[in-house]
Each structure stands twice: as C-alpha cells, then as structure tokens.
PDB file of N, CA and C in Angstrom:
ATOM      1  N   MET A   1       0.798  -1.207   0.000  1.00  0.00           N
ATOM      2  CA  MET A   1       0.000   0.000   0.000  1.00  0.00           C
ATOM      3  C   MET A   1       0.844   1.278   0.000  1.00  0.00           C
ATOM      4  N   ILE A   2       2.166   1.114   0.033  1.00  0.00           N
ATOM      5  CA  ILE A   2       3.035   2.294   0.025  1.00  0.00           C
ATOM      6  C   ILE A   2       2.828   3.091  -1.255  1.00  0.00           C
ATOM      7  N   VAL A   3       2.716   2.404  -2.391  1.00  0.00           N
ATOM      8  CA  VAL A   3       2.521   3.089  -3.669  1.00  0.00           C
ATOM      9  C   VAL A   3       1.215   3.879  -3.641  1.00  0.00           C
ATOM     10  N   ALA A   4       0.140   3.273  -3.157  1.00  0.00           N
ATOM     11  CA  ALA A   4      -1.150   3.958  -3.105  1.00  0.00           C
ATOM     12  C   ALA A   4      -1.073   5.190  -2.209  1.00  0.00           C
ATOM     13  N   GLU A   5      -0.373   5.068  -1.079  1.00  0.00           N
ATOM     14  CA  GLU A   5      -0.230   6.214  -0.182  1.00  0.00           C
ATOM     15  C   GLU A   5       0.570   7.333  -0.842  1.00  0.00           C
ATOM     16  N   ASN A   6       1.642   6.958  -1.558  1.00  0.00           N
ATOM     17  CA  ASN A   6       2.447   7.966  -2.252  1.00  0.00           C
ATOM     18  C   ASN A   6       1.638   8.659  -3.343  1.00  0.00           C
ATOM     19  N   LEU A   7       0.853   7.893  -4.084  1.00  0.00           N
ATOM     20  CA  LEU A   7       0.018   8.485  -5.131  1.00  0.00           C
ATOM     21  C   LEU A   7      -1.023   9.422  -4.532  1.00  0.00           C
ATOM     22  N   GLN A   8      -1.605   9.025  -3.417  1.00  0.00           N
ATOM     23  CA  GLN A   8      -2.587   9.881  -2.764  1.00  0.00           C
ATOM     24  C   GLN A   8      -1.948  11.194  -2.331  1.00  0.00           C
ATOM     25  N   THR A   9      -0.744  11.127  -1.790  1.00  0.00           N
ATOM     26  CA  THR A   9      -0.022  12.336  -1.376  1.00  0.00           C
ATOM     27  C   THR A   9       0.250  13.230  -2.573  1.00  0.00           C
ATOM     28  N   ILE A  10       0.641  12.626  -3.685  1.00  0.00           N
ATOM     29  CA  ILE A  10       0.915  13.402  -4.907  1.00  0.00           C
ATOM     30  C   ILE A  10      -0.352  14.108  -5.362  1.00  0.00           C
ATOM     31  N   TYR A  11      -1.463  13.380  -5.446  1.00  0.00           N
ATOM     32  CA  TYR A  11      -2.699  13.983  -5.926  1.00  0.00           C
ATOM     33  C   TYR A  11      -3.225  15.055  -4.980  1.00  0.00           C
ATOM     34  N   GLU A  12      -2.946  14.917  -3.693  1.00  0.00           N
ATOM     35  CA  GLU A  12      -3.386  15.933  -2.741  1.00  0.00           C
ATOM     36  C   GLU A  12      -2.578  17.218  -2.866  1.00  0.00           C
ATOM     37  N   THR A  13      -1.341  17.108  -3.330  1.00  0.00           N
ATOM     38  CA  THR A  13      -0.459  18.286  -3.400  1.00  0.00           C
ATOM     39  C   THR A  13      -0.181  18.752  -4.820  1.00  0.00           C
ATOM     40  N   ILE A  14      -0.818  18.153  -5.805  1.00  0.00           N
ATOM     41  CA  ILE A  14      -0.488  18.459  -7.204  1.00  0.00           C
ATOM     42  C   ILE A  14      -0.739  19.922  -7.569  1.00  0.00           C
ATOM     43  N   ASP A  15      -1.732  20.531  -6.965  1.00  0.00           N
ATOM     44  CA  ASP A  15      -2.011  21.941  -7.262  1.00  0.00           C
ATOM     45  C   ASP A  15      -0.907  22.854  -6.739  1.00  0.00           C
ATOM     46  N   GLU A  16      -0.183  22.405  -5.726  1.00  0.00           N
ATOM     47  CA  GLU A  16       0.901  23.199  -5.161  1.00  0.00           C
ATOM     48  C   GLU A  16       2.219  23.001  -5.910  1.00  0.00           C
ATOM     49  N   MET A  17       2.271  22.018  -6.816  1.00  0.00           N
ATOM     50  CA  MET A  17       3.500  21.718  -7.542  1.00  0.00           C
ATOM     51  C   MET A  17       3.710  22.697  -8.689  1.00  0.00           C
ATOM     52  N   THR A  18       4.975  22.893  -9.019  1.00  0.00           N
ATOM     53  CA  THR A  18       5.307  23.694 -10.193  1.00  0.00           C
ATOM     54  C   THR A  18       5.105  22.824 -11.430  1.00  0.00           C
ATOM     55  N   PRO A  19       5.043  23.431 -12.604  1.00  0.00           N
ATOM     56  CA  PRO A  19       4.930  22.624 -13.823  1.00  0.00           C
ATOM     57  C   PRO A  19       6.071  21.617 -13.961  1.00  0.00           C
ATOM     58  N   VAL A  20       7.265  21.989 -13.538  1.00  0.00           N
ATOM     59  CA  VAL A  20       8.416  21.079 -13.620  1.00  0.00           C
ATOM     60  C   VAL A  20       8.190  19.874 -12.713  1.00  0.00           C
ATOM     61  N   GLN A  21       7.742  20.113 -11.502  1.00  0.00           N
ATOM     62  CA  GLN A  21       7.490  19.014 -10.574  1.00  0.00           C
ATOM     63  C   GLN A  21       6.390  18.088 -11.091  1.00  0.00           C
ATOM     64  N   ARG A  22       5.328  18.664 -11.654  1.00  0.00           N
ATOM     65  CA  ARG A  22       4.248  17.838 -12.208  1.00  0.00           C
ATOM     66  C   ARG A  22       4.763  16.982 -13.366  1.00  0.00           C
ATOM     67  N   GLU A  23       5.607  17.546 -14.203  1.00  0.00           N
ATOM     68  CA  GLU A  23       6.160  16.787 -15.320  1.00  0.00           C
ATOM     69  C   GLU A  23       7.059  15.666 -14.817  1.00  0.00           C
ATOM     70  N   GLN A  24       7.825  15.920 -13.773  1.00  0.00           N
ATOM     71  CA  GLN A  24       8.678  14.873 -13.216  1.00  0.00           C
ATOM     72  C   GLN A  24       7.846  13.725 -12.665  1.00  0.00           C
ATOM     73  N   VAL A  25       6.737  14.022 -12.017  1.00  0.00           N
ATOM     74  CA  VAL A  25       5.836  12.981 -11.507  1.00  0.00           C
ATOM     75  C   VAL A  25       5.227  12.217 -12.672  1.00  0.00           C
ATOM     76  N   ARG A  26       4.723  12.934 -13.674  1.00  0.00           N
ATOM     77  CA  ARG A  26       4.129  12.276 -14.847  1.00  0.00           C
ATOM     78  C   ARG A  26       5.130  11.355 -15.518  1.00  0.00           C
ATOM     79  N   PHE A  27       6.360  11.838 -15.693  1.00  0.00           N
ATOM     80  CA  PHE A  27       7.399  11.049 -16.347  1.00  0.00           C
ATOM     81  C   PHE A  27       7.689   9.782 -15.539  1.00  0.00           C
ATOM     82  N   TYR A  28       7.803   9.936 -14.211  1.00  0.00           N
ATOM     83  CA  TYR A  28       8.091   8.779 -13.362  1.00  0.00           C
ATOM     84  C   TYR A  28       6.980   7.740 -13.454  1.00  0.00           C
ATOM     85  N   LEU A  29       5.733   8.189 -13.424  1.00  0.00           N
ATOM     86  CA  LEU A  29       4.620   7.252 -13.516  1.00  0.00           C
ATOM     87  C   LEU A  29       4.587   6.563 -14.876  1.00  0.00           C
ATOM     88  N   GLU A  30       4.939   7.278 -15.920  1.00  0.00           N
ATOM     89  CA  GLU A  30       4.902   6.714 -17.269  1.00  0.00           C
ATOM     90  C   GLU A  30       6.078   5.780 -17.548  1.00  0.00           C
ATOM     91  N   HIS A  31       7.277   6.152 -17.064  1.00  0.00           N
ATOM     92  CA  HIS A  31       8.485   5.411 -17.416  1.00  0.00           C
ATOM     93  C   HIS A  31       9.063   4.573 -16.270  1.00  0.00           C
ATOM     94  N   GLY A  32       8.568   4.766 -15.058  1.00  0.00           N
ATOM     95  CA  GLY A  32       9.061   3.986 -13.931  1.00  0.00           C
ATOM     96  C   GLY A  32      10.451   4.375 -13.472  1.00  0.00           C
ATOM     97  N   ARG A  33      10.887   5.561 -13.850  1.00  0.00           N
ATOM     98  CA  ARG A  33      12.204   6.058 -13.441  1.00  0.00           C
ATOM     99  C   ARG A  33      12.188   7.575 -13.478  1.00  0.00           C
ATOM    100  N   SER A  34      13.177   8.166 -12.822  1.00  0.00           N
ATOM    101  CA  SER A  34      13.297   9.621 -12.840  1.00  0.00           C
ATOM    102  C   SER A  34      13.892  10.071 -14.164  1.00  0.00           C
ATOM    103  N   MET A  35      13.665  11.333 -14.495  1.00  0.00           N
ATOM    104  CA  MET A  35      14.245  11.914 -15.701  1.00  0.00           C
ATOM    105  C   MET A  35      15.759  12.051 -15.550  1.00  0.00           C
ATOM    106  N   THR A  36      16.469  11.855 -16.647  1.00  0.00           N
ATOM    107  CA  THR A  36      17.884  12.190 -16.649  1.00  0.00           C
ATOM    108  C   THR A  36      17.988  13.708 -16.756  1.00  0.00           C
ATOM    109  N   GLU A  37      19.157  14.239 -16.494  1.00  0.00           N
ATOM    110  CA  GLU A  37      19.325  15.694 -16.623  1.00  0.00           C
ATOM    111  C   GLU A  37      19.027  16.141 -18.044  1.00  0.00           C
ATOM    112  N   ARG A  38      19.440  15.360 -19.026  1.00  0.00           N
ATOM    113  CA  ARG A  38      19.192  15.716 -20.430  1.00  0.00           C
ATOM    114  C   ARG A  38      17.691  15.735 -20.733  1.00  0.00           C
ATOM    115  N   GLU A  39      16.966  14.712 -20.255  1.00  0.00           N
ATOM    116  CA  GLU A  39      15.522  14.659 -20.487  1.00  0.00           C
ATOM    117  C   GLU A  39      14.816  15.834 -19.820  1.00  0.00           C
ATOM    118  N   ALA A  40      15.251  16.192 -18.618  1.00  0.00           N
ATOM    119  CA  ALA A  40      14.658  17.329 -17.917  1.00  0.00           C
ATOM    120  C   ALA A  40      14.928  18.625 -18.679  1.00  0.00           C
ATOM    121  N   ALA A  41      16.150  18.778 -19.189  1.00  0.00           N
ATOM    122  CA  ALA A  41      16.484  19.977 -19.953  1.00  0.00           C
ATOM    123  C   ALA A  41      15.685  20.027 -21.259  1.00  0.00           C
ATOM    124  N   GLU A  42      15.571  18.897 -21.943  1.00  0.00           N
ATOM    125  CA  GLU A  42      14.800  18.862 -23.186  1.00  0.00           C
ATOM    126  C   GLU A  42      13.337  19.209 -22.929  1.00  0.00           C
ATOM    127  N   TRP A  43      12.761  18.714 -21.815  1.00  0.00           N
ATOM    128  CA  TRP A  43      11.381  19.040 -21.501  1.00  0.00           C
ATOM    129  C   TRP A  43      11.250  20.542 -21.225  1.00  0.00           C
ATOM    130  N   ALA A  44      12.187  21.082 -20.433  1.00  0.00           N
ATOM    131  CA  ALA A  44      12.110  22.500 -20.074  1.00  0.00           C
ATOM    132  C   ALA A  44      12.234  23.399 -21.302  1.00  0.00           C
ATOM    133  N   LEU A  45      12.975  22.937 -22.299  1.00  0.00           N
ATOM    134  CA  LEU A  45      13.222  23.751 -23.494  1.00  0.00           C
ATOM    135  C   LEU A  45      12.391  23.312 -24.697  1.00  0.00           C
ATOM    136  N   LYS A  46      11.419  22.438 -24.476  1.00  0.00           N
ATOM    137  CA  LYS A  46      10.694  21.838 -25.609  1.00  0.00           C
ATOM    138  C   LYS A  46      10.045  22.847 -26.544  1.00  0.00           C
ATOM    139  N   ASP A  47       9.651  23.990 -26.015  1.00  0.00           N
ATOM    140  CA  ASP A  47       8.974  24.979 -26.843  1.00  0.00           C
ATOM    141  C   ASP A  47       9.930  25.792 -27.706  1.00  0.00           C
ATOM    142  N   ILE A  48      11.225  25.734 -27.389  1.00  0.00           N
ATOM    143  CA  ILE A  48      12.168  26.529 -28.177  1.00  0.00           C
ATOM    144  C   ILE A  48      13.209  25.688 -28.908  1.00  0.00           C
ATOM    145  N   LEU A  49      13.212  24.367 -28.684  1.00  0.00           N
ATOM    146  CA  LEU A  49      14.125  23.503 -29.414  1.00  0.00           C
ATOM    147  C   LEU A  49      13.634  23.331 -30.848  1.00  0.00           C
ATOM    148  N   VAL A  50      14.554  23.233 -31.752  1.00  0.00           N
ATOM    149  CA  VAL A  50      14.223  23.066 -33.156  1.00  0.00           C
ATOM    150  C   VAL A  50      14.755  21.720 -33.629  1.00  0.00           C
ATOM    151  N   ALA A  51      13.906  20.919 -34.227  1.00  0.00           N
ATOM    152  CA  ALA A  51      14.338  19.618 -34.741  1.00  0.00           C
ATOM    153  C   ALA A  51      15.156  19.822 -36.008  1.00  0.00           C
ATOM    154  N   SER A  52      16.200  19.047 -36.134  1.00  0.00           N
ATOM    155  CA  SER A  52      17.064  19.128 -37.312  1.00  0.00           C
ATOM    156  C   SER A  52      16.952  17.820 -38.073  1.00  0.00           C
ATOM    157  N   SER A  53      16.874  17.924 -39.399  1.00  0.00           N
ATOM    158  CA  SER A  53      16.767  16.710 -40.202  1.00  0.00           C
ATOM    159  C   SER A  53      18.132  16.073 -40.434  1.00  0.00           C
ATOM    160  N   GLU A  54      19.195  16.802 -40.163  1.00  0.00           N
ATOM    161  CA  GLU A  54      20.540  16.280 -40.356  1.00  0.00           C
ATOM    162  C   GLU A  54      21.335  16.412 -39.063  1.00  0.00           C
ATOM    163  N   PRO A  55      22.278  15.487 -38.837  1.00  0.00           N
ATOM    164  CA  PRO A  55      23.146  15.639 -37.667  1.00  0.00           C
ATOM    165  C   PRO A  55      23.944  16.937 -37.766  1.00  0.00           C
ATOM    166  N   ASP A  56      24.325  17.510 -36.624  1.00  0.00           N
ATOM    167  CA  ASP A  56      25.050  18.774 -36.607  1.00  0.00           C
ATOM    168  C   ASP A  56      26.324  18.745 -37.449  1.00  0.00           C
ATOM    169  N   ASP A  57      27.046  17.619 -37.438  1.00  0.00           N
ATOM    170  CA  ASP A  57      28.305  17.568 -38.177  1.00  0.00           C
ATOM    171  C   ASP A  57      28.101  17.452 -39.693  1.00  0.00           C
ATOM    172  N   ALA A  58      26.883  17.180 -40.128  1.00  0.00           N
ATOM    173  CA  ALA A  58      26.618  17.057 -41.565  1.00  0.00           C
ATOM    174  C   ALA A  58      26.247  18.393 -42.200  1.00  0.00           C
ATOM    175  N   VAL A  59      25.975  19.400 -41.397  1.00  0.00           N
ATOM    176  CA  VAL A  59      25.580  20.704 -41.914  1.00  0.00           C
ATOM    177  C   VAL A  59      26.843  21.485 -42.270  1.00  0.00           C
ATOM    178  N   GLU A  60      26.970  21.804 -43.552  1.00  0.00           N
ATOM    179  CA  GLU A  60      28.170  22.506 -44.003  1.00  0.00           C
ATOM    180  C   GLU A  60      27.870  23.911 -44.507  1.00  0.00           C
ATOM    181  N   GLU A  61      26.616  24.225 -44.726  1.00  0.00           N
ATOM    182  CA  GLU A  61      26.269  25.527 -45.271  1.00  0.00           C
ATOM    183  C   GLU A  61      26.457  26.616 -44.225  1.00  0.00           C
ATOM    184  N   GLU A  62      26.709  27.799 -44.703  1.00  0.00           N
ATOM    185  CA  GLU A  62      26.847  28.951 -43.816  1.00  0.00           C
ATOM    186  C   GLU A  62      25.466  29.370 -43.333  1.00  0.00           C
ATOM    187  N   ILE A  63      25.388  29.802 -42.100  1.00  0.00           N
ATOM    188  CA  ILE A  63      24.120  30.240 -41.534  1.00  0.00           C
ATOM    189  C   ILE A  63      24.069  31.757 -41.580  1.00  0.00           C
ATOM    190  N   ASP A  64      22.971  32.276 -42.091  1.00  0.00           N
ATOM    191  CA  ASP A  64      22.751  33.719 -42.100  1.00  0.00           C
ATOM    192  C   ASP A  64      22.289  34.108 -40.705  1.00  0.00           C
ATOM    193  N   GLU A  65      23.223  34.590 -39.887  1.00  0.00           N
ATOM    194  CA  GLU A  65      22.927  34.873 -38.487  1.00  0.00           C
ATOM    195  C   GLU A  65      21.875  35.969 -38.326  1.00  0.00           C
ATOM    196  N   ASP A  66      21.898  36.975 -39.194  1.00  0.00           N
ATOM    197  CA  ASP A  66      20.906  38.042 -39.106  1.00  0.00           C
ATOM    198  C   ASP A  66      19.499  37.505 -39.361  1.00  0.00           C
ATOM    199  N   ALA A  67      19.374  36.647 -40.382  1.00  0.00           N
ATOM    200  CA  ALA A  67      18.067  36.059 -40.693  1.00  0.00           C
ATOM    201  C   ALA A  67      17.616  35.147 -39.556  1.00  0.00           C
ATOM    202  N   LEU A  68      18.561  34.402 -38.981  1.00  0.00           N
ATOM    203  CA  LEU A  68      18.234  33.522 -37.870  1.00  0.00           C
ATOM    204  C   LEU A  68      17.755  34.322 -36.662  1.00  0.00           C
ATOM    205  N   MET A  69      18.460  35.391 -36.325  1.00  0.00           N
ATOM    206  CA  MET A  69      18.055  36.233 -35.195  1.00  0.00           C
ATOM    207  C   MET A  69      16.682  36.854 -35.441  1.00  0.00           C
ATOM    208  N   ALA A  70      16.430  37.280 -36.681  1.00  0.00           N
ATOM    209  CA  ALA A  70      15.126  37.857 -37.010  1.00  0.00           C
ATOM    210  C   ALA A  70      14.020  36.819 -36.833  1.00  0.00           C
ATOM    211  N   GLU A  71      14.296  35.575 -37.244  1.00  0.00           N
ATOM    212  CA  GLU A  71      13.313  34.501 -37.104  1.00  0.00           C
ATOM    213  C   GLU A  71      13.053  34.189 -35.628  1.00  0.00           C
ATOM    214  N   ILE A  72      14.103  34.160 -34.833  1.00  0.00           N
ATOM    215  CA  ILE A  72      13.958  33.898 -33.394  1.00  0.00           C
ATOM    216  C   ILE A  72      13.166  35.021 -32.730  1.00  0.00           C
ATOM    217  N   GLU A  73      13.516  36.267 -33.037  1.00  0.00           N
ATOM    218  CA  GLU A  73      12.799  37.409 -32.459  1.00  0.00           C
ATOM    219  C   GLU A  73      11.330  37.398 -32.853  1.00  0.00           C
ATOM    220  N   ASP A  74      11.061  37.045 -34.113  1.00  0.00           N
ATOM    221  CA  ASP A  74       9.681  36.972 -34.580  1.00  0.00           C
ATOM    222  C   ASP A  74       8.910  35.885 -33.831  1.00  0.00           C
ATOM    223  N   GLY A  75       9.575  34.768 -33.565  1.00  0.00           N
ATOM    224  CA  GLY A  75       8.931  33.669 -32.847  1.00  0.00           C
ATOM    225  C   GLY A  75       8.592  34.017 -31.411  1.00  0.00           C
ATOM    226  N   PHE A  76       9.387  34.894 -30.807  1.00  0.00           N
ATOM    227  CA  PHE A  76       9.155  35.277 -29.411  1.00  0.00           C
ATOM    228  C   PHE A  76       8.315  36.539 -29.269  1.00  0.00           C
ATOM    229  N   ARG A  77       8.012  37.200 -30.371  1.00  0.00           N
ATOM    230  CA  ARG A  77       7.233  38.433 -30.304  1.00  0.00           C
ATOM    231  C   ARG A  77       5.878  38.159 -29.660  1.00  0.00           C
ATOM    232  N   GLY A  78       5.533  38.972 -28.677  1.00  0.00           N
ATOM    233  CA  GLY A  78       4.250  38.820 -28.001  1.00  0.00           C
ATOM    234  C   GLY A  78       4.285  37.860 -26.825  1.00  0.00           C
ATOM    235  N   THR A  79       5.447  37.257 -26.533  1.00  0.00           N
ATOM    236  CA  THR A  79       5.536  36.364 -25.378  1.00  0.00           C
ATOM    237  C   THR A  79       6.358  37.028 -24.279  1.00  0.00           C
ATOM    238  N   ARG A  80       6.143  36.566 -23.073  1.00  0.00           N
ATOM    239  CA  ARG A  80       6.906  37.100 -21.952  1.00  0.00           C
ATOM    240  C   ARG A  80       8.347  36.610 -22.038  1.00  0.00           C
ATOM    241  N   PRO A  81       9.295  37.405 -21.578  1.00  0.00           N
ATOM    242  CA  PRO A  81      10.688  36.965 -21.577  1.00  0.00           C
ATOM    243  C   PRO A  81      10.862  35.721 -20.696  1.00  0.00           C
ATOM    244  N   LEU A  82      11.694  34.804 -21.148  1.00  0.00           N
ATOM    245  CA  LEU A  82      11.950  33.573 -20.413  1.00  0.00           C
ATOM    246  C   LEU A  82      12.462  33.870 -19.006  1.00  0.00           C
ATOM    247  N   SER A  83      13.256  34.915 -18.859  1.00  0.00           N
ATOM    248  CA  SER A  83      13.793  35.262 -17.540  1.00  0.00           C
ATOM    249  C   SER A  83      12.669  35.586 -16.560  1.00  0.00           C
ATOM    250  N   GLU A  84      11.616  36.263 -17.015  1.00  0.00           N
ATOM    251  CA  GLU A  84      10.479  36.562 -16.145  1.00  0.00           C
ATOM    252  C   GLU A  84       9.774  35.286 -15.690  1.00  0.00           C
ATOM    253  N   ILE A  85       9.611  34.355 -16.607  1.00  0.00           N
ATOM    254  CA  ILE A  85       8.948  33.091 -16.287  1.00  0.00           C
ATOM    255  C   ILE A  85       9.762  32.314 -15.261  1.00  0.00           C
ATOM    256  N   ILE A  86      11.078  32.275 -15.442  1.00  0.00           N
ATOM    257  CA  ILE A  86      11.950  31.557 -14.514  1.00  0.00           C
ATOM    258  C   ILE A  86      11.904  32.190 -13.133  1.00  0.00           C
ATOM    259  N   ILE A  87      11.985  33.521 -13.074  1.00  0.00           N
ATOM    260  CA  ILE A  87      11.949  34.219 -11.789  1.00  0.00           C
ATOM    261  C   ILE A  87      10.607  33.993 -11.095  1.00  0.00           C
ATOM    262  N   GLU A  88       9.520  34.059 -11.854  1.00  0.00           N
ATOM    263  CA  GLU A  88       8.186  33.850 -11.285  1.00  0.00           C
ATOM    264  C   GLU A  88       8.058  32.442 -10.712  1.00  0.00           C
ATOM    265  N   GLU A  89       8.542  31.440 -11.457  1.00  0.00           N
ATOM    266  CA  GLU A  89       8.452  30.063 -10.973  1.00  0.00           C
ATOM    267  C   GLU A  89       9.328  29.875  -9.735  1.00  0.00           C
ATOM    268  N   ARG A  90      10.500  30.481  -9.724  1.00  0.00           N
ATOM    269  CA  ARG A  90      11.392  30.373  -8.570  1.00  0.00           C
ATOM    270  C   ARG A  90      10.742  30.994  -7.343  1.00  0.00           C
ATOM    271  N   ASP A  91      10.100  32.154  -7.516  1.00  0.00           N
ATOM    272  CA  ASP A  91       9.453  32.851  -6.398  1.00  0.00           C
ATOM    273  C   ASP A  91       8.265  32.046  -5.843  1.00  0.00           C
ATOM    274  N   THR A  92       7.558  31.337  -6.714  1.00  0.00           N
ATOM    275  CA  THR A  92       6.405  30.540  -6.242  1.00  0.00           C
ATOM    276  C   THR A  92       6.855  29.293  -5.511  1.00  0.00           C
ATOM    277  N   GLN A  93       8.081  28.853  -5.726  1.00  0.00           N
ATOM    278  CA  GLN A  93       8.601  27.666  -5.035  1.00  0.00           C
ATOM    279  C   GLN A  93       9.046  27.991  -3.631  1.00  0.00           C
ATOM    280  N   GLN A  94       9.320  29.255  -3.354  1.00  0.00           N
ATOM    281  CA  GLN A  94       9.841  29.634  -2.031  1.00  0.00           C
ATOM    282  C   GLN A  94       8.755  29.800  -1.022  1.00  0.00           C
TER     283      GLN A  94
END
C-alpha cells in the first residue's frame, strides 16, 4: 500500500506543484524512473528547441545569423521573456 499512499499524497499536493514538478511525476509514472538531466532539460526547453533533419556535423552551409536572429525574435514576439517566467516560478517555489 506504500505506492497507493504515495500516489494519494501526490494527488493531494499536485495543485501546489510547479509545472516542472508535475512533469517529473508524470514522467516517473509513465516510465518507472526519474528523468535524466538531459531529459529534464529537453522538456524544459521543448517549446524553443528546433528539430534538425541532419546531424550537426553534416551541416556545411553557412548560416545567415541576421536572418536567424530575425526569425527567433519573430517567434518570441508577443511572449513574456523567459527570464520573467523563470523568476516567477522560482518565487512561487519559495
């Protein structure tokens, strides 16, 4: 009954958890193990990571940095700065 008690505790406190904590619980229940640091980082950055069709070492073309920066800025236009979100989440954990 230890598992049932732990699950009950989780469900009773889930509203008090941060999104990161809720994702860690979901991941553990789904996979039966804790997230690795890489998996946690990938989850935290999932909205800004870009999938590549080729491995990094296979890309030989020059990148137009100005066009890339413009695309990134356009993608973030109208959203709150990531630093504000991090500070807000940190403050709610204290």
